Amino acid sequence: CNSRRARGAVRVSLGRGNDPAQVAAAAQALIGAWNLLAK
């Protein structure tokens, strides 16, 4: 990976405490934050 790709990396690791509602909320949060930062 080049430095730009590595700099943009995020690791999500799931476990016993996660559920579909949390995953939906996480997706919404990451998408919203990316749109704001990329803009």
PDB file of all heavy atoms in Angstrom:
ATOM      1  N   CYS A   1       0.848  -1.198   0.000  1.00  0.00           N
ATOM      2  CA  CYS A   1       0.000   0.000   0.000  1.00  0.00           C
ATOM      3  C   CYS A   1       0.880   1.243   0.000  1.00  0.00           C
ATOM      4  O   CYS A   1       1.835   1.335   0.774  1.00  0.00           O
ATOM      5  CB  CYS A   1      -0.897   0.021   1.223  1.00  0.00           C
ATOM      6  SG  CYS A   1      -2.100  -1.311   1.308  1.00  0.00           S
ATOM      7  N   ASN A   2       0.532   2.227  -0.853  1.00  0.00           N
ATOM      8  CA  ASN A   2       1.268   3.476  -0.815  1.00  0.00           C
ATOM      9  C   ASN A   2       0.848   4.291   0.400  1.00  0.00           C
ATOM     10  O   ASN A   2      -0.093   3.941   1.116  1.00  0.00           O
ATOM     11  CB  ASN A   2       1.084   4.271  -2.113  1.00  0.00           C
ATOM     12  CG  ASN A   2      -0.376   4.615  -2.391  1.00  0.00           C
ATOM     13  OD1 ASN A   2      -1.162   4.869  -1.468  1.00  0.00           O
ATOM     14  ND2 ASN A   2      -0.753   4.627  -3.663  1.00  0.00           N
ATOM     15  N   SER A   3       1.555   5.380   0.659  1.00  0.00           N
ATOM     16  CA  SER A   3       1.322   6.143   1.889  1.00  0.00           C
ATOM     17  C   SER A   3      -0.081   6.729   1.931  1.00  0.00           C
ATOM     18  O   SER A   3      -0.698   6.798   3.000  1.00  0.00           O
ATOM     19  CB  SER A   3       2.368   7.255   2.027  1.00  0.00           C
ATOM     20  OG  SER A   3       2.324   8.127   0.912  1.00  0.00           O
ATOM     21  N   ARG A   4      -0.603   7.142   0.783  1.00  0.00           N
ATOM     22  CA  ARG A   4      -1.948   7.719   0.766  1.00  0.00           C
ATOM     23  C   ARG A   4      -2.997   6.667   1.146  1.00  0.00           C
ATOM     24  O   ARG A   4      -3.892   6.935   1.958  1.00  0.00           O
ATOM     25  CB  ARG A   4      -2.250   8.296  -0.623  1.00  0.00           C
ATOM     26  CG  ARG A   4      -3.619   8.965  -0.739  1.00  0.00           C
ATOM     27  CD  ARG A   4      -3.851   9.455  -2.169  1.00  0.00           C
ATOM     28  NE  ARG A   4      -2.898  10.486  -2.514  1.00  0.00           N
ATOM     29  CZ  ARG A   4      -3.102  11.784  -2.295  1.00  0.00           C
ATOM     30  NH1 ARG A   4      -4.212  12.181  -1.705  1.00  0.00           N
ATOM     31  NH2 ARG A   4      -2.210  12.671  -2.656  1.00  0.00           N
ATOM     32  N   ARG A   5      -2.866   5.492   0.578  1.00  0.00           N
ATOM     33  CA  ARG A   5      -3.828   4.433   0.899  1.00  0.00           C
ATOM     34  C   ARG A   5      -3.693   4.007   2.354  1.00  0.00           C
ATOM     35  O   ARG A   5      -4.700   3.801   3.054  1.00  0.00           O
ATOM     36  CB  ARG A   5      -3.612   3.234  -0.024  1.00  0.00           C
ATOM     37  CG  ARG A   5      -4.534   2.054   0.265  1.00  0.00           C
ATOM     38  CD  ARG A   5      -4.410   0.999  -0.816  1.00  0.00           C
ATOM     39  NE  ARG A   5      -5.197  -0.189  -0.489  1.00  0.00           N
ATOM     40  CZ  ARG A   5      -5.324  -1.242  -1.294  1.00  0.00           C
ATOM     41  NH1 ARG A   5      -4.735  -1.243  -2.486  1.00  0.00           N
ATOM     42  NH2 ARG A   5      -6.046  -2.285  -0.924  1.00  0.00           N
ATOM     43  N   ALA A   6      -2.468   3.864   2.824  1.00  0.00           N
ATOM     44  CA  ALA A   6      -2.261   3.444   4.211  1.00  0.00           C
ATOM     45  C   ALA A   6      -2.768   4.510   5.177  1.00  0.00           C
ATOM     46  O   ALA A   6      -3.327   4.187   6.239  1.00  0.00           O
ATOM     47  CB  ALA A   6      -0.791   3.167   4.452  1.00  0.00           C
ATOM     48  N   ARG A   7      -2.603   5.768   4.825  1.00  0.00           N
ATOM     49  CA  ARG A   7      -3.043   6.858   5.699  1.00  0.00           C
ATOM     50  C   ARG A   7      -4.559   6.869   5.857  1.00  0.00           C
ATOM     51  O   ARG A   7      -5.083   7.250   6.899  1.00  0.00           O
ATOM     52  CB  ARG A   7      -2.551   8.183   5.133  1.00  0.00           C
ATOM     53  CG  ARG A   7      -2.894   9.414   5.949  1.00  0.00           C
ATOM     54  CD  ARG A   7      -2.196  10.642   5.399  1.00  0.00           C
ATOM     55  NE  ARG A   7      -2.633  11.852   6.085  1.00  0.00           N
ATOM     56  CZ  ARG A   7      -3.652  12.611   5.695  1.00  0.00           C
ATOM     57  NH1 ARG A   7      -4.347  12.275   4.612  1.00  0.00           N
ATOM     58  NH2 ARG A   7      -3.989  13.699   6.360  1.00  0.00           N
ATOM     59  N   GLY A   8      -5.278   6.412   4.846  1.00  0.00           N
ATOM     60  CA  GLY A   8      -6.734   6.414   4.889  1.00  0.00           C
ATOM     61  C   GLY A   8      -7.340   5.158   5.482  1.00  0.00           C
ATOM     62  O   GLY A   8      -8.563   4.982   5.448  1.00  0.00           O
ATOM     63  N   ALA A   9      -6.506   4.279   6.059  1.00  0.00           N
ATOM     64  CA  ALA A   9      -7.001   2.984   6.523  1.00  0.00           C
ATOM     65  C   ALA A   9      -7.696   3.086   7.880  1.00  0.00           C
ATOM     66  O   ALA A   9      -7.274   3.830   8.768  1.00  0.00           O
ATOM     67  CB  ALA A   9      -5.849   1.986   6.612  1.00  0.00           C
ATOM     68  N   VAL A  10      -8.755   2.317   8.008  1.00  0.00           N
ATOM     69  CA  VAL A  10      -9.495   2.161   9.262  1.00  0.00           C
ATOM     70  C   VAL A  10      -9.768   0.674   9.441  1.00  0.00           C
ATOM     71  O   VAL A  10     -10.160  -0.009   8.497  1.00  0.00           O
ATOM     72  CB  VAL A  10     -10.830   2.936   9.235  1.00  0.00           C
ATOM     73  CG1 VAL A  10     -11.719   2.540  10.410  1.00  0.00           C
ATOM     74  CG2 VAL A  10     -10.572   4.434   9.250  1.00  0.00           C
ATOM     75  N   ARG A  11      -9.550   0.185  10.664  1.00  0.00           N
ATOM     76  CA  ARG A  11      -9.871  -1.209  10.972  1.00  0.00           C
ATOM     77  C   ARG A  11     -11.115  -1.266  11.846  1.00  0.00           C
ATOM     78  O   ARG A  11     -11.152  -0.668  12.923  1.00  0.00           O
ATOM     79  CB  ARG A  11      -8.716  -1.888  11.711  1.00  0.00           C
ATOM     80  CG  ARG A  11      -9.000  -3.368  12.028  1.00  0.00           C
ATOM     81  CD  ARG A  11      -7.967  -3.971  12.948  1.00  0.00           C
ATOM     82  NE  ARG A  11      -8.070  -3.451  14.314  1.00  0.00           N
ATOM     83  CZ  ARG A  11      -7.265  -3.816  15.320  1.00  0.00           C
ATOM     84  NH1 ARG A  11      -6.297  -4.678  15.094  1.00  0.00           N
ATOM     85  NH2 ARG A  11      -7.415  -3.307  16.521  1.00  0.00           N
ATOM     86  N   VAL A  12     -12.112  -1.990  11.351  1.00  0.00           N
ATOM     87  CA  VAL A  12     -13.308  -2.288  12.135  1.00  0.00           C
ATOM     88  C   VAL A  12     -13.260  -3.770  12.471  1.00  0.00           C
ATOM     89  O   VAL A  12     -13.108  -4.610  11.575  1.00  0.00           O
ATOM     90  CB  VAL A  12     -14.590  -1.965  11.342  1.00  0.00           C
ATOM     91  CG1 VAL A  12     -15.817  -2.460  12.079  1.00  0.00           C
ATOM     92  CG2 VAL A  12     -14.686  -0.465  11.089  1.00  0.00           C
ATOM     93  N   SER A  13     -13.350  -4.098  13.757  1.00  0.00           N
ATOM     94  CA  SER A  13     -13.376  -5.506  14.163  1.00  0.00           C
ATOM     95  C   SER A  13     -14.562  -5.711  15.096  1.00  0.00           C
ATOM     96  O   SER A  13     -14.694  -5.040  16.106  1.00  0.00           O
ATOM     97  CB  SER A  13     -12.060  -5.914  14.815  1.00  0.00           C
ATOM     98  OG  SER A  13     -11.656  -4.988  15.809  1.00  0.00           O
ATOM     99  N   LEU A  14     -15.419  -6.640  14.706  1.00  0.00           N
ATOM    100  CA  LEU A  14     -16.702  -6.861  15.372  1.00  0.00           C
ATOM    101  C   LEU A  14     -16.607  -7.985  16.393  1.00  0.00           C
ATOM    102  O   LEU A  14     -15.695  -8.807  16.357  1.00  0.00           O
ATOM    103  CB  LEU A  14     -17.764  -7.188  14.325  1.00  0.00           C
ATOM    104  CG  LEU A  14     -17.976  -6.097  13.260  1.00  0.00           C
ATOM    105  CD1 LEU A  14     -18.480  -6.707  11.965  1.00  0.00           C
ATOM    106  CD2 LEU A  14     -18.940  -5.042  13.755  1.00  0.00           C
ATOM    107  N   GLY A  15     -17.620  -8.031  17.296  1.00  0.00           N
ATOM    108  CA  GLY A  15     -17.621  -9.055  18.321  1.00  0.00           C
ATOM    109  C   GLY A  15     -19.003  -9.352  18.848  1.00  0.00           C
ATOM    110  O   GLY A  15     -20.018  -8.930  18.281  1.00  0.00           O
ATOM    111  N   ARG A  16     -19.038 -10.074  19.965  1.00  0.00           N
ATOM    112  CA  ARG A  16     -20.296 -10.582  20.523  1.00  0.00           C
ATOM    113  C   ARG A  16     -21.304  -9.478  20.839  1.00  0.00           C
ATOM    114  O   ARG A  16     -22.506  -9.711  20.825  1.00  0.00           O
ATOM    115  CB  ARG A  16     -20.022 -11.355  21.819  1.00  0.00           C
ATOM    116  CG  ARG A  16     -19.251 -12.637  21.668  1.00  0.00           C
ATOM    117  CD  ARG A  16     -19.063 -13.323  23.017  1.00  0.00           C
ATOM    118  NE  ARG A  16     -20.275 -13.996  23.465  1.00  0.00           N
ATOM    119  CZ  ARG A  16     -20.540 -14.293  24.727  1.00  0.00           C
ATOM    120  NH1 ARG A  16     -19.700 -13.908  25.677  1.00  0.00           N
ATOM    121  NH2 ARG A  16     -21.644 -14.925  25.057  1.00  0.00           N
ATOM    122  N   GLY A  17     -20.817  -8.292  21.148  1.00  0.00           N
ATOM    123  CA  GLY A  17     -21.719  -7.230  21.564  1.00  0.00           C
ATOM    124  C   GLY A  17     -22.356  -6.446  20.444  1.00  0.00           C
ATOM    125  O   GLY A  17     -23.179  -5.553  20.701  1.00  0.00           O
ATOM    126  N   ASN A  18     -22.007  -6.735  19.200  1.00  0.00           N
ATOM    127  CA  ASN A  18     -22.546  -5.969  18.071  1.00  0.00           C
ATOM    128  C   ASN A  18     -23.821  -6.593  17.518  1.00  0.00           C
ATOM    129  O   ASN A  18     -24.024  -7.806  17.609  1.00  0.00           O
ATOM    130  CB  ASN A  18     -21.505  -5.867  16.957  1.00  0.00           C
ATOM    131  CG  ASN A  18     -20.272  -5.093  17.370  1.00  0.00           C
ATOM    132  OD1 ASN A  18     -19.152  -5.528  17.154  1.00  0.00           O
ATOM    133  ND2 ASN A  18     -20.460  -3.917  17.983  1.00  0.00           N
ATOM    134  N   ASP A  19     -24.667  -5.747  16.918  1.00  0.00           N
ATOM    135  CA  ASP A  19     -25.921  -6.211  16.332  1.00  0.00           C
ATOM    136  C   ASP A  19     -26.194  -5.415  15.061  1.00  0.00           C
ATOM    137  O   ASP A  19     -25.482  -4.438  14.756  1.00  0.00           O
ATOM    138  CB  ASP A  19     -27.076  -6.087  17.333  1.00  0.00           C
ATOM    139  CG  ASP A  19     -27.282  -4.667  17.839  1.00  0.00           C
ATOM    140  OD1 ASP A  19     -27.057  -3.711  17.077  1.00  0.00           O
ATOM    141  OD2 ASP A  19     -27.682  -4.496  19.016  1.00  0.00           O
ATOM    142  N   PRO A  20     -27.202  -5.801  14.275  1.00  0.00           N
ATOM    143  CA  PRO A  20     -27.471  -5.107  13.008  1.00  0.00           C
ATOM    144  C   PRO A  20     -27.738  -3.615  13.163  1.00  0.00           C
ATOM    145  O   PRO A  20     -27.327  -2.811  12.311  1.00  0.00           O
ATOM    146  CB  PRO A  20     -28.701  -5.843  12.469  1.00  0.00           C
ATOM    147  CG  PRO A  20     -28.592  -7.221  13.036  1.00  0.00           C
ATOM    148  CD  PRO A  20     -28.026  -7.031  14.403  1.00  0.00           C
ATOM    149  N   ALA A  21     -28.397  -3.207  14.237  1.00  0.00           N
ATOM    150  CA  ALA A  21     -28.676  -1.778  14.433  1.00  0.00           C
ATOM    151  C   ALA A  21     -27.385  -0.993  14.618  1.00  0.00           C
ATOM    152  O   ALA A  21     -27.230   0.123  14.091  1.00  0.00           O
ATOM    153  CB  ALA A  21     -29.593  -1.588  15.639  1.00  0.00           C
ATOM    154  N   GLN A  22     -26.428  -1.557  15.359  1.00  0.00           N
ATOM    155  CA  GLN A  22     -25.152  -0.885  15.547  1.00  0.00           C
ATOM    156  C   GLN A  22     -24.383  -0.795  14.237  1.00  0.00           C
ATOM    157  O   GLN A  22     -23.741   0.228  13.953  1.00  0.00           O
ATOM    158  CB  GLN A  22     -24.324  -1.629  16.592  1.00  0.00           C
ATOM    159  CG  GLN A  22     -24.852  -1.513  18.003  1.00  0.00           C
ATOM    160  CD  GLN A  22     -23.967  -2.239  18.997  1.00  0.00           C
ATOM    161  OE1 GLN A  22     -23.255  -3.181  18.641  1.00  0.00           O
ATOM    162  NE2 GLN A  22     -23.999  -1.819  20.244  1.00  0.00           N
ATOM    163  N   VAL A  23     -24.424  -1.841  13.442  1.00  0.00           N
ATOM    164  CA  VAL A  23     -23.732  -1.833  12.157  1.00  0.00           C
ATOM    165  C   VAL A  23     -24.330  -0.773  11.239  1.00  0.00           C
ATOM    166  O   VAL A  23     -23.600  -0.035  10.556  1.00  0.00           O
ATOM    167  CB  VAL A  23     -23.786  -3.234  11.518  1.00  0.00           C
ATOM    168  CG1 VAL A  23     -23.414  -3.172  10.044  1.00  0.00           C
ATOM    169  CG2 VAL A  23     -22.836  -4.177  12.258  1.00  0.00           C
ATOM    170  N   ALA A  24     -25.649  -0.651  11.219  1.00  0.00           N
ATOM    171  CA  ALA A  24     -26.301   0.379  10.402  1.00  0.00           C
ATOM    172  C   ALA A  24     -25.902   1.773  10.868  1.00  0.00           C
ATOM    173  O   ALA A  24     -25.614   2.671  10.051  1.00  0.00           O
ATOM    174  CB  ALA A  24     -27.815   0.204  10.458  1.00  0.00           C
ATOM    175  N   ALA A  25     -25.852   1.969  12.179  1.00  0.00           N
ATOM    176  CA  ALA A  25     -25.452   3.266  12.716  1.00  0.00           C
ATOM    177  C   ALA A  25     -23.993   3.562  12.402  1.00  0.00           C
ATOM    178  O   ALA A  25     -23.626   4.708  12.088  1.00  0.00           O
ATOM    179  CB  ALA A  25     -25.681   3.298  14.225  1.00  0.00           C
ATOM    180  N   ALA A  26     -23.133   2.539  12.467  1.00  0.00           N
ATOM    181  CA  ALA A  26     -21.720   2.724  12.148  1.00  0.00           C
ATOM    182  C   ALA A  26     -21.540   3.104  10.685  1.00  0.00           C
ATOM    183  O   ALA A  26     -20.752   4.007  10.360  1.00  0.00           O
ATOM    184  CB  ALA A  26     -20.945   1.448  12.466  1.00  0.00           C
ATOM    185  N   ALA A  27     -22.255   2.438   9.804  1.00  0.00           N
ATOM    186  CA  ALA A  27     -22.171   2.766   8.386  1.00  0.00           C
ATOM    187  C   ALA A  27     -22.597   4.209   8.144  1.00  0.00           C
ATOM    188  O   ALA A  27     -21.924   4.961   7.416  1.00  0.00           O
ATOM    189  CB  ALA A  27     -23.037   1.807   7.581  1.00  0.00           C
ATOM    190  N   GLN A  28     -23.689   4.614   8.745  1.00  0.00           N
ATOM    191  CA  GLN A  28     -24.186   5.977   8.572  1.00  0.00           C
ATOM    192  C   GLN A  28     -23.161   6.999   9.076  1.00  0.00           C
ATOM    193  O   GLN A  28     -22.913   8.026   8.425  1.00  0.00           O
ATOM    194  CB  GLN A  28     -25.509   6.139   9.317  1.00  0.00           C
ATOM    195  CG  GLN A  28     -26.166   7.501   9.126  1.00  0.00           C
ATOM    196  CD  GLN A  28     -27.517   7.577   9.831  1.00  0.00           C
ATOM    197  OE1 GLN A  28     -27.899   6.683  10.571  1.00  0.00           O
ATOM    198  NE2 GLN A  28     -28.252   8.650   9.583  1.00  0.00           N
ATOM    199  N   ALA A  29     -22.569   6.728  10.230  1.00  0.00           N
ATOM    200  CA  ALA A  29     -21.589   7.650  10.795  1.00  0.00           C
ATOM    201  C   ALA A  29     -20.352   7.765   9.913  1.00  0.00           C
ATOM    202  O   ALA A  29     -19.846   8.874   9.664  1.00  0.00           O
ATOM    203  CB  ALA A  29     -21.208   7.192  12.198  1.00  0.00           C
ATOM    204  N   LEU A  30     -19.827   6.636   9.442  1.00  0.00           N
ATOM    205  CA  LEU A  30     -18.619   6.658   8.605  1.00  0.00           C
ATOM    206  C   LEU A  30     -18.878   7.335   7.267  1.00  0.00           C
ATOM    207  O   LEU A  30     -18.048   8.116   6.779  1.00  0.00           O
ATOM    208  CB  LEU A  30     -18.108   5.230   8.398  1.00  0.00           C
ATOM    209  CG  LEU A  30     -17.485   4.560   9.626  1.00  0.00           C
ATOM    210  CD1 LEU A  30     -17.311   3.062   9.403  1.00  0.00           C
ATOM    211  CD2 LEU A  30     -16.147   5.212   9.974  1.00  0.00           C
ATOM    212  N   ILE A  31     -20.011   7.060   6.673  1.00  0.00           N
ATOM    213  CA  ILE A  31     -20.350   7.687   5.397  1.00  0.00           C
ATOM    214  C   ILE A  31     -20.500   9.195   5.570  1.00  0.00           C
ATOM    215  O   ILE A  31     -19.981   9.998   4.775  1.00  0.00           O
ATOM    216  CB  ILE A  31     -21.636   7.064   4.821  1.00  0.00           C
ATOM    217  CG1 ILE A  31     -21.376   5.610   4.412  1.00  0.00           C
ATOM    218  CG2 ILE A  31     -22.141   7.865   3.625  1.00  0.00           C
ATOM    219  CD1 ILE A  31     -22.645   4.814   4.154  1.00  0.00           C
ATOM    220  N   GLY A  32     -21.207   9.613   6.618  1.00  0.00           N
ATOM    221  CA  GLY A  32     -21.394  11.035   6.859  1.00  0.00           C
ATOM    222  C   GLY A  32     -20.083  11.750   7.113  1.00  0.00           C
ATOM    223  O   GLY A  32     -19.830  12.845   6.591  1.00  0.00           O
ATOM    224  N   ALA A  33     -19.208  11.135   7.923  1.00  0.00           N
ATOM    225  CA  ALA A  33     -17.913  11.746   8.223  1.00  0.00           C
ATOM    226  C   ALA A  33     -17.044  11.819   6.973  1.00  0.00           C
ATOM    227  O   ALA A  33     -16.364  12.832   6.731  1.00  0.00           O
ATOM    228  CB  ALA A  33     -17.208  10.953   9.321  1.00  0.00           C
ATOM    229  N   TRP A  34     -17.067  10.763   6.163  1.00  0.00           N
ATOM    230  CA  TRP A  34     -16.255  10.781   4.934  1.00  0.00           C
ATOM    231  C   TRP A  34     -16.746  11.869   3.979  1.00  0.00           C
ATOM    232  O   TRP A  34     -15.939  12.601   3.409  1.00  0.00           O
ATOM    233  CB  TRP A  34     -16.297   9.413   4.239  1.00  0.00           C
ATOM    234  CG  TRP A  34     -15.484   9.426   2.974  1.00  0.00           C
ATOM    235  CD1 TRP A  34     -14.137   9.292   2.861  1.00  0.00           C
ATOM    236  CD2 TRP A  34     -15.981   9.639   1.642  1.00  0.00           C
ATOM    237  NE1 TRP A  34     -13.746   9.393   1.538  1.00  0.00           N
ATOM    238  CE2 TRP A  34     -14.864   9.600   0.779  1.00  0.00           C
ATOM    239  CE3 TRP A  34     -17.251   9.840   1.106  1.00  0.00           C
ATOM    240  CZ2 TRP A  34     -14.987   9.776  -0.604  1.00  0.00           C
ATOM    241  CZ3 TRP A  34     -17.375  10.016  -0.274  1.00  0.00           C
ATOM    242  CH2 TRP A  34     -16.249   9.978  -1.115  1.00  0.00           C
ATOM    243  N   ASN A  35     -18.046  11.976   3.797  1.00  0.00           N
ATOM    244  CA  ASN A  35     -18.583  13.021   2.910  1.00  0.00           C
ATOM    245  C   ASN A  35     -18.159  14.403   3.378  1.00  0.00           C
ATOM    246  O   ASN A  35     -17.771  15.258   2.568  1.00  0.00           O
ATOM    247  CB  ASN A  35     -20.116  12.932   2.859  1.00  0.00           C
ATOM    248  CG  ASN A  35     -20.601  11.835   1.938  1.00  0.00           C
ATOM    249  OD1 ASN A  35     -20.003  11.570   0.896  1.00  0.00           O
ATOM    250  ND2 ASN A  35     -21.675  11.154   2.318  1.00  0.00           N
ATOM    251  N   LEU A  36     -18.197  14.634   4.679  1.00  0.00           N
ATOM    252  CA  LEU A  36     -17.817  15.928   5.224  1.00  0.00           C
ATOM    253  C   LEU A  36     -16.332  16.197   5.014  1.00  0.00           C
ATOM    254  O   LEU A  36     -15.942  17.281   4.549  1.00  0.00           O
ATOM    255  CB  LEU A  36     -18.159  15.972   6.707  1.00  0.00           C
ATOM    256  CG  LEU A  36     -17.872  17.281   7.448  1.00  0.00           C
ATOM    257  CD1 LEU A  36     -18.744  18.396   6.901  1.00  0.00           C
ATOM    258  CD2 LEU A  36     -18.112  17.114   8.946  1.00  0.00           C
ATOM    259  N   LEU A  37     -15.497  15.232   5.333  1.00  0.00           N
ATOM    260  CA  LEU A  37     -14.051  15.426   5.207  1.00  0.00           C
ATOM    261  C   LEU A  37     -13.600  15.497   3.751  1.00  0.00           C
ATOM    262  O   LEU A  37     -12.723  16.309   3.399  1.00  0.00           O
ATOM    263  CB  LEU A  37     -13.313  14.292   5.930  1.00  0.00           C
ATOM    264  CG  LEU A  37     -13.419  14.271   7.456  1.00  0.00           C
ATOM    265  CD1 LEU A  37     -12.795  13.000   8.007  1.00  0.00           C
ATOM    266  CD2 LEU A  37     -12.771  15.499   8.067  1.00  0.00           C
ATOM    267  N   ALA A  38     -14.173  14.650   2.919  1.00  0.00           N
ATOM    268  CA  ALA A  38     -13.777  14.651   1.508  1.00  0.00           C
ATOM    269  C   ALA A  38     -14.176  15.951   0.839  1.00  0.00           C
ATOM    270  O   ALA A  38     -13.431  16.502   0.020  1.00  0.00           O
ATOM    271  CB  ALA A  38     -14.424  13.471   0.785  1.00  0.00           C
ATOM    272  N   LYS A  39     -15.340  16.474   1.210  1.00  0.00           N
ATOM    273  CA  LYS A  39     -15.769  17.761   0.651  1.00  0.00           C
ATOM    274  C   LYS A  39     -14.842  18.869   1.068  1.00  0.00           C
ATOM    275  O   LYS A  39     -14.435  19.707   0.279  1.00  0.00           O
ATOM    276  CB  LYS A  39     -17.198  18.072   1.118  1.00  0.00           C
ATOM    277  CG  LYS A  39     -17.760  19.362   0.560  1.00  0.00           C
ATOM    278  CD  LYS A  39     -19.187  19.587   1.060  1.00  0.00           C
ATOM    279  CE  LYS A  39     -19.750  20.905   0.502  1.00  0.00           C
ATOM    280  NZ  LYS A  39     -21.120  21.160   0.970  1.00  0.00           N
TER     281      LYS A  39
END
